[in-house]
Amino acid sequence: MTLERDAKFGIGDVVRHRLFPFRGVVFDVDPEFANTEEWWQAIPEAIRPAKEQPFYHVLAENEDSFYTAYVSEQNLLPDARSGPVKHPQTRELFERFDGERYRMKTGEMKPN
């Protein structure tokens, strides 16, 4: 069983957040919530996602900055139509954007 089969998005997919104004590229997938309880509790209850779903590590960007985000599957939408992501770490992890997704470099590590 591979994560890509169970998760809606895979490594290299370009996504955008359903509620907040950011987009990015997936660089890792957790089959279910794998962050701290404190992090989860800090999310307002009205928008707090369920833990029993895939969560994605995303090289994220908005109008003002670049960062990494940890996002539940329920809060992501596909966004490849908007083109490549400008996050500078994409060049460290991915070979290129082919118009649909980023292709991972072989033998590369995840960002810190």
Protein backbone atom coordinates (compact mmCIF):
# COMPACT_ATOMS: atom_id res chain seq x y z
CA MET A 1 0.00 0.00 0.00
CA THR A 2 1.42 3.39 -0.99
CA LEU A 3 0.44 6.79 0.29
CA GLU A 4 -0.22 8.14 -3.17
CA ARG A 5 -3.04 5.59 -3.62
CA ASP A 6 -4.73 6.53 -0.35
CA ALA A 7 -4.16 10.27 -0.44
CA LYS A 8 -5.94 12.61 -2.85
CA PHE A 9 -2.71 14.51 -3.54
CA GLY A 10 0.81 13.24 -4.10
CA ILE A 11 4.31 14.61 -3.84
CA GLY A 12 4.77 17.26 -6.51
CA ASP A 13 1.09 18.23 -6.77
CA VAL A 14 0.32 21.95 -6.80
CA VAL A 15 -2.46 22.84 -4.38
CA ARG A 16 -4.19 25.82 -2.83
CA HIS A 17 -5.85 26.19 0.55
CA ARG A 18 -9.63 26.12 0.54
CA LEU A 19 -9.99 28.82 3.25
CA PHE A 20 -6.76 30.82 3.35
CA PRO A 21 -4.97 32.71 0.55
CA PHE A 22 -1.98 30.50 -0.13
CA ARG A 23 -0.89 27.87 -2.60
CA GLY A 24 2.09 25.57 -2.86
CA VAL A 25 3.54 22.21 -3.79
CA VAL A 26 3.25 19.01 -1.74
CA PHE A 27 6.63 17.63 -0.63
CA ASP A 28 5.51 15.00 1.92
CA VAL A 29 2.33 13.21 3.01
CA ASP A 30 1.24 11.81 6.38
CA PRO A 31 -1.57 9.21 6.15
CA GLU A 32 -3.21 10.91 9.13
CA PHE A 33 -2.45 13.75 11.53
CA ALA A 34 1.16 13.57 12.80
CA ASN A 35 1.73 16.96 14.41
CA THR A 36 1.45 17.96 18.07
CA GLU A 37 -1.80 18.10 20.02
CA GLU A 38 -0.94 21.71 20.88
CA TRP A 39 -0.74 22.60 17.18
CA TRP A 40 -4.11 20.97 16.49
CA GLN A 41 -5.79 22.61 19.50
CA ALA A 42 -4.53 26.05 18.35
CA ILE A 43 -6.80 25.83 15.31
CA PRO A 44 -10.19 27.44 16.01
CA GLU A 45 -12.71 24.68 16.70
CA ALA A 46 -15.07 25.91 13.98
CA ILE A 47 -12.46 25.18 11.30
CA ARG A 48 -10.38 22.47 13.04
CA PRO A 49 -9.93 19.54 10.64
CA ALA A 50 -10.46 15.90 11.54
CA LYS A 51 -7.24 14.04 12.38
CA GLU A 52 -8.22 10.86 10.52
CA GLN A 53 -7.29 12.01 7.04
CA PRO A 54 -4.10 12.64 5.10
CA PHE A 55 -2.11 15.74 6.04
CA TYR A 56 0.29 17.37 3.62
CA HIS A 57 3.59 19.16 4.03
CA VAL A 58 3.48 22.02 1.53
CA LEU A 59 6.08 24.49 0.29
CA ALA A 60 3.63 27.38 0.57
CA GLU A 61 3.49 30.93 -0.69
CA ASN A 62 1.20 33.92 -0.44
CA GLU A 63 1.51 37.51 -1.60
CA ASP A 64 4.00 38.31 1.16
CA SER A 65 6.13 35.29 1.96
CA PHE A 66 7.32 31.74 1.45
CA TYR A 67 7.00 29.11 4.19
CA THR A 68 6.11 25.48 4.86
CA ALA A 69 2.57 24.57 5.83
CA TYR A 70 0.95 21.46 7.31
CA VAL A 71 -2.53 21.12 5.82
CA SER A 72 -5.37 18.60 6.04
CA GLU A 73 -6.67 17.03 2.86
CA GLN A 74 -10.14 18.56 3.42
CA ASN A 75 -8.60 22.05 3.14
CA LEU A 76 -6.73 21.58 -0.14
CA LEU A 77 -7.80 21.98 -3.74
CA PRO A 78 -5.81 21.21 -6.90
CA ASP A 79 -4.19 24.31 -8.41
CA ALA A 80 -1.83 23.27 -11.23
CA ARG A 81 -3.80 25.45 -13.67
CA SER A 82 -2.40 28.53 -11.91
CA GLY A 83 1.09 27.53 -13.03
CA PRO A 84 4.33 26.89 -11.18
CA VAL A 85 5.00 27.80 -7.56
CA LYS A 86 7.59 30.50 -6.87
CA HIS A 87 8.76 29.09 -3.52
CA PRO A 88 12.61 29.04 -3.67
CA GLN A 89 12.89 25.54 -2.15
CA THR A 90 11.09 23.99 -5.13
CA ARG A 91 14.42 24.10 -7.00
CA GLU A 92 16.08 22.13 -4.19
CA LEU A 93 13.53 19.29 -4.22
CA PHE A 94 12.06 19.19 -7.69
CA GLU A 95 13.46 18.96 -11.21
CA ARG A 96 10.75 20.88 -13.02
CA PHE A 97 7.06 21.72 -13.30
CA ASP A 98 5.57 19.90 -16.28
CA GLY A 99 2.33 21.88 -16.40
CA GLU A 100 0.52 19.41 -14.14
CA ARG A 101 2.91 18.66 -11.29
CA TYR A 102 6.50 18.93 -10.12
CA ARG A 103 8.88 16.04 -10.73
CA MET A 104 10.95 15.12 -7.67
CA LYS A 105 14.73 15.08 -7.91
CA THR A 106 16.05 11.61 -7.19
CA GLY A 107 17.96 11.07 -3.95
CA GLU A 108 16.93 14.43 -2.43
CA MET A 109 16.05 15.11 1.19
CA LYS A 110 13.02 16.98 2.53
CA PRO A 111 13.44 20.65 3.53
CA ASN A 112 14.09 21.50 7.18
